[in-house]
Protein backbone atom coordinates (compact mmCIF):
# COMPACT_ATOMS: atom_id res chain seq x y z
CA MET A 1 143.23 17.11 -110.62
CA LYS A 2 143.57 20.01 -113.06
CA GLU A 3 139.79 20.46 -113.33
CA PHE A 4 139.48 20.97 -109.54
CA TRP A 5 141.78 24.03 -109.30
CA PRO A 6 139.14 26.59 -110.34
CA VAL A 7 136.71 25.19 -107.78
CA ILE A 8 139.36 25.26 -105.04
CA VAL A 9 140.41 28.83 -105.86
CA ILE A 10 136.82 30.10 -106.10
CA THR A 11 135.97 28.41 -102.80
CA ILE A 12 138.96 29.91 -100.97
CA VAL A 13 138.37 33.39 -102.41
CA GLY A 14 134.65 33.13 -101.63
CA PHE A 15 135.32 32.01 -98.08
CA PHE A 16 137.66 34.91 -97.33
CA GLY A 17 135.34 37.35 -99.11
CA LEU A 18 132.39 36.21 -97.02
CA ALA A 19 134.45 36.31 -93.83
CA ALA A 20 135.50 39.90 -94.62
CA LEU A 21 131.94 40.86 -95.49
CA LEU A 22 130.71 39.59 -92.13
CA LEU A 23 133.61 40.59 -89.89
CA ILE A 24 134.43 44.11 -91.09
CA PRO A 25 131.17 45.62 -89.75
CA VAL A 26 131.76 43.88 -86.41
CA TRP A 27 135.32 45.22 -86.28
CA LYS A 28 134.12 48.78 -87.04
CA PHE A 29 131.42 48.52 -84.37
CA LEU A 30 133.89 47.30 -81.76
CA ASN A 31 136.28 50.14 -82.60
CA LYS A 32 133.47 52.68 -82.17
CA GLU A 33 132.52 51.13 -78.83
CA GLU A 34 136.14 51.20 -77.65
CA ILE A 35 136.43 54.91 -78.49
CA SER A 36 133.14 55.60 -76.75
CA ALA A 37 134.27 53.69 -73.67
CA GLU A 38 137.55 55.63 -73.55
CA LYS A 39 135.64 58.94 -73.72
CA TRP A 40 133.32 57.77 -70.95
CA ASP A 41 136.28 56.69 -68.82
CA GLU A 42 137.96 60.08 -69.27
CA ALA A 43 134.79 61.95 -68.32
CA HIS A 44 134.13 59.66 -65.39
CA SER A 45 137.69 59.90 -64.06
CA GLU A 46 137.59 63.71 -64.34
CA GLN A 47 134.33 63.79 -62.42
CA LYS A 48 135.68 61.40 -59.82
CA ALA A 49 138.86 63.49 -59.44
CA SER A 50 136.85 66.69 -58.97
CA ASN A 51 134.65 64.96 -56.38
CA SER A 52 137.66 63.67 -54.48
CA GLN A 53 139.18 67.17 -54.32
CA LYS A 54 136.06 68.44 -52.56
CA GLY A 55 135.58 67.59 -48.96
CA PRO A 56 132.88 65.18 -47.80
CA SER A 57 130.68 68.07 -46.67
CA GLU A 58 130.97 69.85 -50.03
CA GLN A 59 129.68 66.94 -52.10
């Protein structure tokens, strides 16, 4: 059993390293998209609020 420990450790470290390598760019992309969506929501809600303050004939 002693000769299997290096293989087990290397496999576990490799698995988590590969998972991080693949998932970190996805996580960064999703964070950028969330920030972009929040900015869009703010701009859209401001525009909607300014349109609702005007009367129907002013739009």
